[in-house]
């Protein structure tokens, strides 16, 4: 599965909005290219809303380099689930 496959899947769900960080929206350079997914049925996430998923495409120097994402075609998908679902899935 590619980044584009995940983006297409997620944004096909009703109410899901994707924002991809860039210089144009004032995001820090280290986040450029990362995509953030929100549930916003009106099409606009609130400024205080946390994404339910993120698609991270590069390492964050000084914060997270263990993932070694700075390779072609490599990314990390983070999905937020509640405590109950986490325990159901992972024990």
N, C-alpha and C. Protein backbone atom coordinates (compact mmCIF):
# COMPACT_ATOMS: atom_id res chain seq x y z
N UNK A 1 0.85 -1.17 0.00
CA UNK A 1 0.00 0.00 0.00
C UNK A 1 0.90 1.24 0.00
N UNK A 2 0.55 2.20 -0.82
CA UNK A 2 1.34 3.42 -0.93
C UNK A 2 0.70 4.56 -0.13
N UNK A 3 1.43 5.67 -0.03
CA UNK A 3 0.87 6.86 0.62
C UNK A 3 -0.42 7.28 -0.09
N UNK A 4 -0.38 7.30 -1.42
CA UNK A 4 -1.56 7.71 -2.18
C UNK A 4 -2.74 6.78 -1.94
N UNK A 5 -2.49 5.49 -1.80
CA UNK A 5 -3.56 4.53 -1.51
C UNK A 5 -4.22 4.86 -0.17
N UNK A 6 -3.41 5.14 0.83
CA UNK A 6 -3.93 5.46 2.16
C UNK A 6 -4.72 6.76 2.12
N UNK A 7 -4.17 7.76 1.46
CA UNK A 7 -4.86 9.05 1.35
C UNK A 7 -6.20 8.88 0.63
N UNK A 8 -6.22 8.13 -0.45
CA UNK A 8 -7.47 7.89 -1.19
C UNK A 8 -8.48 7.15 -0.33
N UNK A 9 -8.03 6.14 0.39
CA UNK A 9 -8.93 5.37 1.25
C UNK A 9 -9.53 6.25 2.34
N UNK A 10 -8.68 7.00 3.01
CA UNK A 10 -9.14 7.81 4.14
C UNK A 10 -10.08 8.93 3.70
N UNK A 11 -9.73 9.59 2.61
CA UNK A 11 -10.54 10.73 2.18
C UNK A 11 -11.82 10.31 1.47
N UNK A 12 -11.98 9.03 1.17
CA UNK A 12 -13.23 8.53 0.59
C UNK A 12 -14.30 8.37 1.67
N UNK A 13 -13.90 8.38 2.94
CA UNK A 13 -14.86 8.27 4.04
C UNK A 13 -15.54 9.62 4.26
N UNK A 14 -16.84 9.57 4.48
CA UNK A 14 -17.60 10.80 4.69
C UNK A 14 -17.06 11.60 5.87
N UNK A 15 -16.87 12.89 5.66
CA UNK A 15 -16.47 13.77 6.73
C UNK A 15 -14.99 13.85 7.00
N UNK A 16 -14.16 13.08 6.27
CA UNK A 16 -12.72 13.09 6.51
C UNK A 16 -12.07 14.17 5.65
N UNK A 17 -11.25 14.98 6.30
CA UNK A 17 -10.52 16.05 5.64
C UNK A 17 -9.03 15.79 5.83
N UNK A 18 -8.26 15.93 4.73
CA UNK A 18 -6.81 15.76 4.78
C UNK A 18 -6.14 17.11 4.59
N UNK A 19 -5.18 17.38 5.46
CA UNK A 19 -4.35 18.58 5.29
C UNK A 19 -2.91 18.10 5.21
N UNK A 20 -2.22 18.48 4.13
CA UNK A 20 -0.81 18.13 3.98
C UNK A 20 0.01 19.37 4.28
N UNK A 21 0.92 19.25 5.25
CA UNK A 21 1.72 20.38 5.70
C UNK A 21 2.63 20.88 4.59
N UNK A 22 2.72 22.21 4.50
CA UNK A 22 3.58 22.82 3.49
C UNK A 22 4.01 24.21 3.96
N UNK A 23 4.91 24.81 3.22
CA UNK A 23 5.35 26.17 3.52
C UNK A 23 4.18 27.14 3.39
N UNK A 24 3.26 26.85 2.47
CA UNK A 24 2.13 27.74 2.21
C UNK A 24 1.21 27.91 3.42
N UNK A 25 1.12 26.86 4.26
CA UNK A 25 0.22 26.97 5.41
C UNK A 25 0.96 27.28 6.71
N UNK A 26 2.23 27.61 6.60
CA UNK A 26 3.00 28.01 7.77
C UNK A 26 3.50 26.88 8.63
N UNK A 27 3.40 25.64 8.13
CA UNK A 27 3.87 24.48 8.90
C UNK A 27 5.40 24.51 9.01
N UNK A 28 5.94 23.97 10.10
CA UNK A 28 7.40 23.90 10.20
C UNK A 28 7.96 23.02 9.08
N UNK A 29 9.13 23.37 8.59
CA UNK A 29 9.71 22.68 7.45
C UNK A 29 9.82 21.17 7.66
N UNK A 30 10.12 20.74 8.89
CA UNK A 30 10.28 19.30 9.13
C UNK A 30 8.98 18.53 8.87
N UNK A 31 7.84 19.20 8.90
CA UNK A 31 6.55 18.52 8.70
C UNK A 31 6.06 18.58 7.25
N UNK A 32 6.74 19.34 6.39
CA UNK A 32 6.28 19.46 5.01
C UNK A 32 6.14 18.08 4.38
N UNK A 33 5.03 17.83 3.78
CA UNK A 33 4.76 16.55 3.13
C UNK A 33 3.99 15.58 4.01
N UNK A 34 3.96 15.81 5.32
CA UNK A 34 3.17 14.95 6.21
C UNK A 34 1.70 15.30 6.06
N UNK A 35 0.84 14.28 6.11
CA UNK A 35 -0.60 14.50 5.97
C UNK A 35 -1.30 14.22 7.28
N UNK A 36 -2.27 15.04 7.58
CA UNK A 36 -3.03 14.97 8.83
C UNK A 36 -4.51 14.79 8.47
N UNK A 37 -5.15 13.81 9.09
CA UNK A 37 -6.53 13.46 8.77
C UNK A 37 -7.44 13.83 9.94
N UNK A 38 -8.50 14.54 9.63
CA UNK A 38 -9.46 15.02 10.62
C UNK A 38 -10.86 14.56 10.25
N UNK A 39 -11.68 14.36 11.25
CA UNK A 39 -13.10 14.18 11.00
C UNK A 39 -13.75 15.54 11.15
N UNK A 40 -14.22 16.08 10.04
CA UNK A 40 -14.82 17.42 10.03
C UNK A 40 -15.94 17.42 8.99
N UNK A 41 -17.13 16.99 9.38
CA UNK A 41 -18.23 16.90 8.43
C UNK A 41 -18.54 18.19 7.67
N UNK A 42 -18.21 19.34 8.27
CA UNK A 42 -18.45 20.61 7.58
C UNK A 42 -17.30 20.99 6.65
N UNK A 43 -16.25 20.15 6.60
CA UNK A 43 -15.13 20.37 5.69
C UNK A 43 -14.00 21.20 6.25
N UNK A 44 -14.14 21.70 7.46
CA UNK A 44 -13.11 22.54 8.07
C UNK A 44 -12.84 22.10 9.50
N UNK A 45 -11.68 21.48 9.76
CA UNK A 45 -11.35 21.11 11.14
C UNK A 45 -11.19 22.37 11.99
N UNK A 46 -11.56 22.27 13.26
CA UNK A 46 -11.36 23.42 14.14
C UNK A 46 -9.87 23.54 14.45
N UNK A 47 -9.45 24.73 14.79
CA UNK A 47 -8.03 24.98 15.06
C UNK A 47 -7.53 24.18 16.27
N UNK A 48 -8.42 23.77 17.14
CA UNK A 48 -8.03 23.04 18.35
C UNK A 48 -8.18 21.53 18.20
N UNK A 49 -8.64 21.08 17.04
CA UNK A 49 -8.91 19.66 16.82
C UNK A 49 -7.62 18.89 16.52
N UNK A 50 -7.50 17.73 17.12
CA UNK A 50 -6.36 16.85 16.85
C UNK A 50 -6.72 15.92 15.70
N UNK A 51 -5.75 15.58 14.85
CA UNK A 51 -6.03 14.63 13.78
C UNK A 51 -6.23 13.23 14.37
N UNK A 52 -7.05 12.41 13.71
CA UNK A 52 -7.21 11.03 14.16
C UNK A 52 -6.16 10.13 13.54
N UNK A 53 -5.48 10.63 12.50
CA UNK A 53 -4.41 9.85 11.87
C UNK A 53 -3.42 10.82 11.24
N UNK A 54 -2.17 10.38 11.18
CA UNK A 54 -1.14 11.15 10.48
C UNK A 54 -0.33 10.20 9.61
N UNK A 55 0.10 10.72 8.48
CA UNK A 55 0.96 9.98 7.57
C UNK A 55 2.27 10.75 7.51
N UNK A 56 3.30 10.22 8.13
CA UNK A 56 4.58 10.91 8.29
C UNK A 56 5.56 10.35 7.27
N UNK A 57 6.22 11.25 6.51
CA UNK A 57 7.05 10.80 5.40
C UNK A 57 8.55 11.04 5.58
N UNK A 58 8.94 11.66 6.70
CA UNK A 58 10.37 11.87 6.92
C UNK A 58 10.66 11.92 8.42
N UNK A 59 11.93 11.72 8.75
CA UNK A 59 12.35 11.79 10.15
C UNK A 59 12.28 13.23 10.64
N UNK A 60 12.05 13.39 11.94
CA UNK A 60 12.08 14.69 12.57
C UNK A 60 13.40 14.77 13.35
N UNK A 61 14.37 15.42 12.75
CA UNK A 61 15.70 15.52 13.34
C UNK A 61 15.62 16.09 14.75
N UNK A 62 16.28 15.42 15.70
CA UNK A 62 16.27 15.85 17.08
C UNK A 62 15.05 15.39 17.85
N UNK A 63 14.13 14.73 17.18
CA UNK A 63 12.92 14.26 17.85
C UNK A 63 12.69 12.78 17.57
N UNK A 64 12.62 12.40 16.31
CA UNK A 64 12.38 11.00 15.95
C UNK A 64 13.14 10.65 14.69
N UNK A 65 14.24 9.98 14.87
CA UNK A 65 14.99 9.48 13.72
C UNK A 65 15.06 7.97 13.72
N UNK A 66 14.55 7.34 14.78
CA UNK A 66 14.61 5.87 14.89
C UNK A 66 13.80 5.18 13.81
N UNK A 67 12.77 5.86 13.31
CA UNK A 67 11.94 5.25 12.27
C UNK A 67 12.66 5.15 10.94
N UNK A 68 13.71 5.93 10.75
CA UNK A 68 14.49 5.92 9.52
C UNK A 68 13.59 6.09 8.29
N UNK A 69 12.77 7.12 8.33
CA UNK A 69 11.82 7.37 7.25
C UNK A 69 12.43 8.06 6.04
N UNK A 70 13.65 8.53 6.16
CA UNK A 70 14.27 9.26 5.06
C UNK A 70 14.79 8.31 3.97
N UNK A 71 13.90 7.43 3.53
CA UNK A 71 14.20 6.50 2.44
C UNK A 71 13.03 6.53 1.47
N UNK A 72 13.31 6.36 0.21
CA UNK A 72 12.26 6.42 -0.82
C UNK A 72 11.16 5.40 -0.54
N UNK A 73 9.92 5.86 -0.59
CA UNK A 73 8.77 4.98 -0.44
C UNK A 73 8.45 4.53 0.97
N UNK A 74 9.16 5.07 1.96
CA UNK A 74 8.95 4.66 3.36
C UNK A 74 8.17 5.75 4.08
N UNK A 75 7.19 5.36 4.86
CA UNK A 75 6.38 6.31 5.62
C UNK A 75 5.86 5.60 6.87
N UNK A 76 5.28 6.38 7.77
CA UNK A 76 4.68 5.82 8.99
C UNK A 76 3.25 6.34 9.09
N UNK A 77 2.33 5.44 9.35
CA UNK A 77 0.94 5.80 9.55
C UNK A 77 0.63 5.68 11.03
N UNK A 78 0.24 6.79 11.65
CA UNK A 78 -0.16 6.80 13.05
C UNK A 78 -1.67 6.92 13.10
N UNK A 79 -2.32 6.04 13.85
CA UNK A 79 -3.77 6.09 13.98
C UNK A 79 -4.12 6.16 15.46
N UNK A 80 -4.87 7.18 15.82
CA UNK A 80 -5.28 7.36 17.21
C UNK A 80 -6.50 6.51 17.52
N UNK A 81 -6.38 5.69 18.52
CA UNK A 81 -7.53 4.90 18.99
C UNK A 81 -7.63 5.12 20.50
N UNK A 82 -8.80 4.93 21.03
CA UNK A 82 -8.98 5.08 22.47
C UNK A 82 -8.36 3.93 23.23
N UNK A 83 -8.32 4.08 24.54
CA UNK A 83 -7.73 3.08 25.42
C UNK A 83 -8.40 1.72 25.25
N UNK A 84 -9.72 1.70 25.17
CA UNK A 84 -10.46 0.44 25.07
C UNK A 84 -10.08 -0.31 23.79
N UNK A 85 -10.10 0.39 22.67
CA UNK A 85 -9.75 -0.25 21.39
C UNK A 85 -8.30 -0.71 21.40
N UNK A 86 -7.41 0.11 21.95
CA UNK A 86 -6.00 -0.27 22.04
C UNK A 86 -5.86 -1.60 22.77
N UNK A 87 -6.51 -1.72 23.92
CA UNK A 87 -6.42 -2.97 24.68
C UNK A 87 -7.07 -4.14 23.96
N UNK A 88 -8.17 -3.90 23.26
CA UNK A 88 -8.81 -4.96 22.48
C UNK A 88 -7.89 -5.46 21.39
N UNK A 89 -7.17 -4.55 20.75
CA UNK A 89 -6.29 -4.93 19.64
C UNK A 89 -4.97 -5.52 20.09
N UNK A 90 -4.39 -4.98 21.16
CA UNK A 90 -3.03 -5.34 21.54
C UNK A 90 -2.91 -5.97 22.93
N UNK A 91 -3.99 -6.00 23.68
CA UNK A 91 -3.92 -6.62 25.00
C UNK A 91 -3.34 -5.75 26.09
